[in-house]
Every structure is written in C-alpha cells, then in structure tokens.
Amino acid sequence: MASSAKKTSQMQIDENLKKVYQEMLDDEIPDRFRDLLAQLRQQDRAKQEDDSIK
C-alpha cells in the first residue's frame, strides 16, 4: 500500500512539474529581455561587418 501511495505522489509531482514547465514555455519573453536581445544582435552584426571590412 505504501508503494502505491508513493507512486501516486510521484505521478502528481511529475504532472505538476510538467504543467509548470509548459506554462513557463508558453509565457512571452519580457520586453526588457527582448530589448537586450535586440541590442546584442545589433552589436553582433556591427562586429561582423567590422570584421568583414578588415
């Protein structure tokens, strides 16, 4: 009986973790992070252009 309760608890934990993870994946990236990513991409492009000129 104890192993059955343990399996049920593990299944509930698994389901909750999957649910939280999926919710996290569904969330949009905050604007601040989008802005930072855009800045990094711009810097990366500028560096690549600078390297190709040399």
PDB file of N, CA and C in Angstrom:
ATOM      1  N   MET A   1       0.823  -1.200   0.000  1.00  0.00           N
ATOM      2  CA  MET A   1       0.000   0.000   0.000  1.00  0.00           C
ATOM      3  C   MET A   1       0.860   1.254   0.000  1.00  0.00           C
ATOM      4  N   ALA A   2       1.956   1.228   0.731  1.00  0.00           N
ATOM      5  CA  ALA A   2       2.823   2.404   0.811  1.00  0.00           C
ATOM      6  C   ALA A   2       3.443   2.700  -0.540  1.00  0.00           C
ATOM      7  N   SER A   3       3.806   1.657  -1.295  1.00  0.00           N
ATOM      8  CA  SER A   3       4.413   1.889  -2.606  1.00  0.00           C
ATOM      9  C   SER A   3       3.389   2.456  -3.579  1.00  0.00           C
ATOM     10  N   SER A   4       2.136   2.087  -3.420  1.00  0.00           N
ATOM     11  CA  SER A   4       1.076   2.630  -4.268  1.00  0.00           C
ATOM     12  C   SER A   4       0.879   4.123  -3.987  1.00  0.00           C
ATOM     13  N   ALA A   5       0.917   4.495  -2.735  1.00  0.00           N
ATOM     14  CA  ALA A   5       0.784   5.905  -2.363  1.00  0.00           C
ATOM     15  C   ALA A   5       1.995   6.691  -2.847  1.00  0.00           C
ATOM     16  N   LYS A   6       3.161   6.055  -2.794  1.00  0.00           N
ATOM     17  CA  LYS A   6       4.387   6.713  -3.256  1.00  0.00           C
ATOM     18  C   LYS A   6       4.323   6.951  -4.763  1.00  0.00           C
ATOM     19  N   LYS A   7       3.835   5.956  -5.511  1.00  0.00           N
ATOM     20  CA  LYS A   7       3.708   6.105  -6.957  1.00  0.00           C
ATOM     21  C   LYS A   7       2.704   7.205  -7.300  1.00  0.00           C
ATOM     22  N   THR A   8       1.620   7.260  -6.561  1.00  0.00           N
ATOM     23  CA  THR A   8       0.617   8.296  -6.793  1.00  0.00           C
ATOM     24  C   THR A   8       1.210   9.674  -6.524  1.00  0.00           C
ATOM     25  N   SER A   9       1.962   9.794  -5.455  1.00  0.00           N
ATOM     26  CA  SER A   9       2.611  11.067  -5.133  1.00  0.00           C
ATOM     27  C   SER A   9       3.603  11.453  -6.220  1.00  0.00           C
ATOM     28  N   GLN A  10       4.380  10.496  -6.687  1.00  0.00           N
ATOM     29  CA  GLN A  10       5.356  10.767  -7.747  1.00  0.00           C
ATOM     30  C   GLN A  10       4.657  11.196  -9.036  1.00  0.00           C
ATOM     31  N   MET A  11       3.539  10.552  -9.341  1.00  0.00           N
ATOM     32  CA  MET A  11       2.786  10.915 -10.545  1.00  0.00           C
ATOM     33  C   MET A  11       2.242  12.340 -10.433  1.00  0.00           C
ATOM     34  N   GLN A  12       1.763  12.707  -9.253  1.00  0.00           N
ATOM     35  CA  GLN A  12       1.259  14.060  -9.044  1.00  0.00           C
ATOM     36  C   GLN A  12       2.376  15.088  -9.172  1.00  0.00           C
ATOM     37  N   ILE A  13       3.523  14.762  -8.602  1.00  0.00           N
ATOM     38  CA  ILE A  13       4.683  15.664  -8.699  1.00  0.00           C
ATOM     39  C   ILE A  13       5.095  15.805 -10.158  1.00  0.00           C
ATOM     40  N   ASP A  14       5.160  14.690 -10.876  1.00  0.00           N
ATOM     41  CA  ASP A  14       5.522  14.729 -12.300  1.00  0.00           C
ATOM     42  C   ASP A  14       4.561  15.601 -13.091  1.00  0.00           C
ATOM     43  N   GLU A  15       3.285  15.409 -12.875  1.00  0.00           N
ATOM     44  CA  GLU A  15       2.278  16.180 -13.595  1.00  0.00           C
ATOM     45  C   GLU A  15       2.387  17.673 -13.280  1.00  0.00           C
ATOM     46  N   ASN A  16       2.597  17.999 -12.015  1.00  0.00           N
ATOM     47  CA  ASN A  16       2.725  19.405 -11.621  1.00  0.00           C
ATOM     48  C   ASN A  16       3.970  20.043 -12.226  1.00  0.00           C
ATOM     49  N   LEU A  17       5.068  19.304 -12.229  1.00  0.00           N
ATOM     50  CA  LEU A  17       6.298  19.830 -12.832  1.00  0.00           C
ATOM     51  C   LEU A  17       6.118  20.057 -14.327  1.00  0.00           C
ATOM     52  N   LYS A  18       5.483  19.115 -15.003  1.00  0.00           N
ATOM     53  CA  LYS A  18       5.227  19.258 -16.436  1.00  0.00           C
ATOM     54  C   LYS A  18       4.332  20.469 -16.703  1.00  0.00           C
ATOM     55  N   LYS A  19       3.326  20.643 -15.863  1.00  0.00           N
ATOM     56  CA  LYS A  19       2.400  21.762 -16.024  1.00  0.00           C
ATOM     57  C   LYS A  19       3.122  23.103 -15.851  1.00  0.00           C
ATOM     58  N   VAL A  20       3.937  23.207 -14.801  1.00  0.00           N
ATOM     59  CA  VAL A  20       4.683  24.447 -14.546  1.00  0.00           C
ATOM     60  C   VAL A  20       5.664  24.720 -15.678  1.00  0.00           C
ATOM     61  N   TYR A  21       6.347  23.680 -16.133  1.00  0.00           N
ATOM     62  CA  TYR A  21       7.312  23.841 -17.229  1.00  0.00           C
ATOM     63  C   TYR A  21       6.608  24.310 -18.496  1.00  0.00           C
ATOM     64  N   GLN A  22       5.463  23.704 -18.819  1.00  0.00           N
ATOM     65  CA  GLN A  22       4.730  24.093 -20.017  1.00  0.00           C
ATOM     66  C   GLN A  22       4.232  25.528 -19.914  1.00  0.00           C
ATOM     67  N   GLU A  23       3.776  25.926 -18.739  1.00  0.00           N
ATOM     68  CA  GLU A  23       3.334  27.311 -18.538  1.00  0.00           C
ATOM     69  C   GLU A  23       4.491  28.280 -18.760  1.00  0.00           C
ATOM     70  N   MET A  24       5.666  27.879 -18.303  1.00  0.00           N
ATOM     71  CA  MET A  24       6.846  28.715 -18.478  1.00  0.00           C
ATOM     72  C   MET A  24       7.189  28.856 -19.966  1.00  0.00           C
ATOM     73  N   LEU A  25       7.067  27.767 -20.706  1.00  0.00           N
ATOM     74  CA  LEU A  25       7.334  27.808 -22.143  1.00  0.00           C
ATOM     75  C   LEU A  25       6.323  28.682 -22.869  1.00  0.00           C
ATOM     76  N   ASP A  26       5.094  28.695 -22.378  1.00  0.00           N
ATOM     77  CA  ASP A  26       4.032  29.466 -23.018  1.00  0.00           C
ATOM     78  C   ASP A  26       4.127  30.956 -22.726  1.00  0.00           C
ATOM     79  N   ASP A  27       4.820  31.320 -21.653  1.00  0.00           N
ATOM     80  CA  ASP A  27       4.952  32.733 -21.297  1.00  0.00           C
ATOM     81  C   ASP A  27       5.780  33.468 -22.344  1.00  0.00           C
ATOM     82  N   GLU A  28       5.412  34.715 -22.585  1.00  0.00           N
ATOM     83  CA  GLU A  28       6.187  35.530 -23.509  1.00  0.00           C
ATOM     84  C   GLU A  28       7.437  36.052 -22.822  1.00  0.00           C
ATOM     85  N   ILE A  29       8.419  36.367 -23.645  1.00  0.00           N
ATOM     86  CA  ILE A  29       9.656  36.944 -23.127  1.00  0.00           C
ATOM     87  C   ILE A  29       9.362  38.386 -22.715  1.00  0.00           C
ATOM     88  N   PRO A  30       9.775  38.786 -21.526  1.00  0.00           N
ATOM     89  CA  PRO A  30       9.545  40.175 -21.104  1.00  0.00           C
ATOM     90  C   PRO A  30      10.210  41.165 -22.065  1.00  0.00           C
ATOM     91  N   ASP A  31       9.598  42.338 -22.198  1.00  0.00           N
ATOM     92  CA  ASP A  31      10.107  43.365 -23.106  1.00  0.00           C
ATOM     93  C   ASP A  31      11.567  43.711 -22.836  1.00  0.00           C
ATOM     94  N   ARG A  32      11.925  43.735 -21.579  1.00  0.00           N
ATOM     95  CA  ARG A  32      13.313  44.084 -21.219  1.00  0.00           C
ATOM     96  C   ARG A  32      14.306  43.094 -21.832  1.00  0.00           C
ATOM     97  N   PHE A  33      13.969  41.808 -21.795  1.00  0.00           N
ATOM     98  CA  PHE A  33      14.851  40.805 -22.374  1.00  0.00           C
ATOM     99  C   PHE A  33      14.867  40.891 -23.900  1.00  0.00           C
ATOM    100  N   ARG A  34      13.710  41.188 -24.481  1.00  0.00           N
ATOM    101  CA  ARG A  34      13.666  41.377 -25.936  1.00  0.00           C
ATOM    102  C   ARG A  34      14.567  42.522 -26.355  1.00  0.00           C
ATOM    103  N   ASP A  35      14.504  43.614 -25.602  1.00  0.00           N
ATOM    104  CA  ASP A  35      15.360  44.766 -25.903  1.00  0.00           C
ATOM    105  C   ASP A  35      16.835  44.401 -25.796  1.00  0.00           C
ATOM    106  N   LEU A  36      17.179  43.666 -24.748  1.00  0.00           N
ATOM    107  CA  LEU A  36      18.573  43.239 -24.572  1.00  0.00           C
ATOM    108  C   LEU A  36      19.024  42.332 -25.715  1.00  0.00           C
ATOM    109  N   LEU A  37      18.150  41.405 -26.110  1.00  0.00           N
ATOM    110  CA  LEU A  37      18.492  40.523 -27.232  1.00  0.00           C
ATOM    111  C   LEU A  37      18.681  41.317 -28.521  1.00  0.00           C
ATOM    112  N   ALA A  38      17.828  42.304 -28.748  1.00  0.00           N
ATOM    113  CA  ALA A  38      17.968  43.147 -29.943  1.00  0.00           C
ATOM    114  C   ALA A  38      19.291  43.899 -29.916  1.00  0.00           C
ATOM    115  N   GLN A  39      19.666  44.419 -28.756  1.00  0.00           N
ATOM    116  CA  GLN A  39      20.934  45.133 -28.636  1.00  0.00           C
ATOM    117  C   GLN A  39      22.111  44.203 -28.911  1.00  0.00           C
ATOM    118  N   LEU A  40      22.039  43.000 -28.374  1.00  0.00           N
ATOM    119  CA  LEU A  40      23.123  42.036 -28.591  1.00  0.00           C
ATOM    120  C   LEU A  40      23.225  41.657 -30.069  1.00  0.00           C
ATOM    121  N   ARG A  41      22.093  41.460 -30.709  1.00  0.00           N
ATOM    122  CA  ARG A  41      22.116  41.130 -32.136  1.00  0.00           C
ATOM    123  C   ARG A  41      22.713  42.277 -32.947  1.00  0.00           C
ATOM    124  N   GLN A  42      22.342  43.492 -32.586  1.00  0.00           N
ATOM    125  CA  GLN A  42      22.869  44.659 -33.295  1.00  0.00           C
ATOM    126  C   GLN A  42      24.390  44.765 -33.110  1.00  0.00           C
ATOM    127  N   GLN A  43      24.854  44.544 -31.892  1.00  0.00           N
ATOM    128  CA  GLN A  43      26.297  44.577 -31.633  1.00  0.00           C
ATOM    129  C   GLN A  43      27.005  43.481 -32.415  1.00  0.00           C
ATOM    130  N   ASP A  44      26.381  42.308 -32.467  1.00  0.00           N
ATOM    131  CA  ASP A  44      26.972  41.186 -33.174  1.00  0.00           C
ATOM    132  C   ASP A  44      27.073  41.489 -34.671  1.00  0.00           C
ATOM    133  N   ARG A  45      26.007  42.078 -35.242  1.00  0.00           N
ATOM    134  CA  ARG A  45      26.030  42.447 -36.660  1.00  0.00           C
ATOM    135  C   ARG A  45      27.105  43.496 -36.934  1.00  0.00           C
ATOM    136  N   ALA A  46      27.202  44.481 -36.053  1.00  0.00           N
ATOM    137  CA  ALA A  46      28.202  45.539 -36.233  1.00  0.00           C
ATOM    138  C   ALA A  46      29.607  44.944 -36.176  1.00  0.00           C
ATOM    139  N   LYS A  47      29.830  44.001 -35.269  1.00  0.00           N
ATOM    140  CA  LYS A  47      31.148  43.367 -35.153  1.00  0.00           C
ATOM    141  C   LYS A  47      31.463  42.551 -36.407  1.00  0.00           C
ATOM    142  N   GLN A  48      30.460  41.828 -36.915  1.00  0.00           N
ATOM    143  CA  GLN A  48      30.675  41.026 -38.118  1.00  0.00           C
ATOM    144  C   GLN A  48      30.982  41.919 -39.315  1.00  0.00           C
ATOM    145  N   GLU A  49      30.274  43.030 -39.418  1.00  0.00           N
ATOM    146  CA  GLU A  49      30.543  43.971 -40.513  1.00  0.00           C
ATOM    147  C   GLU A  49      31.947  44.549 -40.394  1.00  0.00           C
ATOM    148  N   ASP A  50      32.327  44.868 -39.169  1.00  0.00           N
ATOM    149  CA  ASP A  50      33.671  45.426 -38.919  1.00  0.00           C
ATOM    150  C   ASP A  50      34.732  44.388 -39.266  1.00  0.00           C
ATOM    151  N   ASP A  51      34.508  43.148 -38.909  1.00  0.00           N
ATOM    152  CA  ASP A  51      35.463  42.081 -39.202  1.00  0.00           C
ATOM    153  C   ASP A  51      35.562  41.809 -40.696  1.00  0.00           C
ATOM    154  N   SER A  52      34.467  41.958 -41.422  1.00  0.00           N
ATOM    155  CA  SER A  52      34.497  41.686 -42.855  1.00  0.00           C
ATOM    156  C   SER A  52      35.199  42.812 -43.626  1.00  0.00           C
ATOM    157  N   ILE A  53      35.230  44.012 -43.052  1.00  0.00           N
ATOM    158  CA  ILE A  53      35.913  45.140 -43.690  1.00  0.00           C
ATOM    159  C   ILE A  53      37.421  44.977 -43.596  1.00  0.00           C
ATOM    160  N   LYS A  54      37.894  44.411 -42.511  1.00  0.00           N
ATOM    161  CA  LYS A  54      39.343  44.295 -42.267  1.00  0.00           C
ATOM    162  C   LYS A  54      39.995  43.343 -43.197  1.00  0.00           C
TER     163      LYS A  54
END
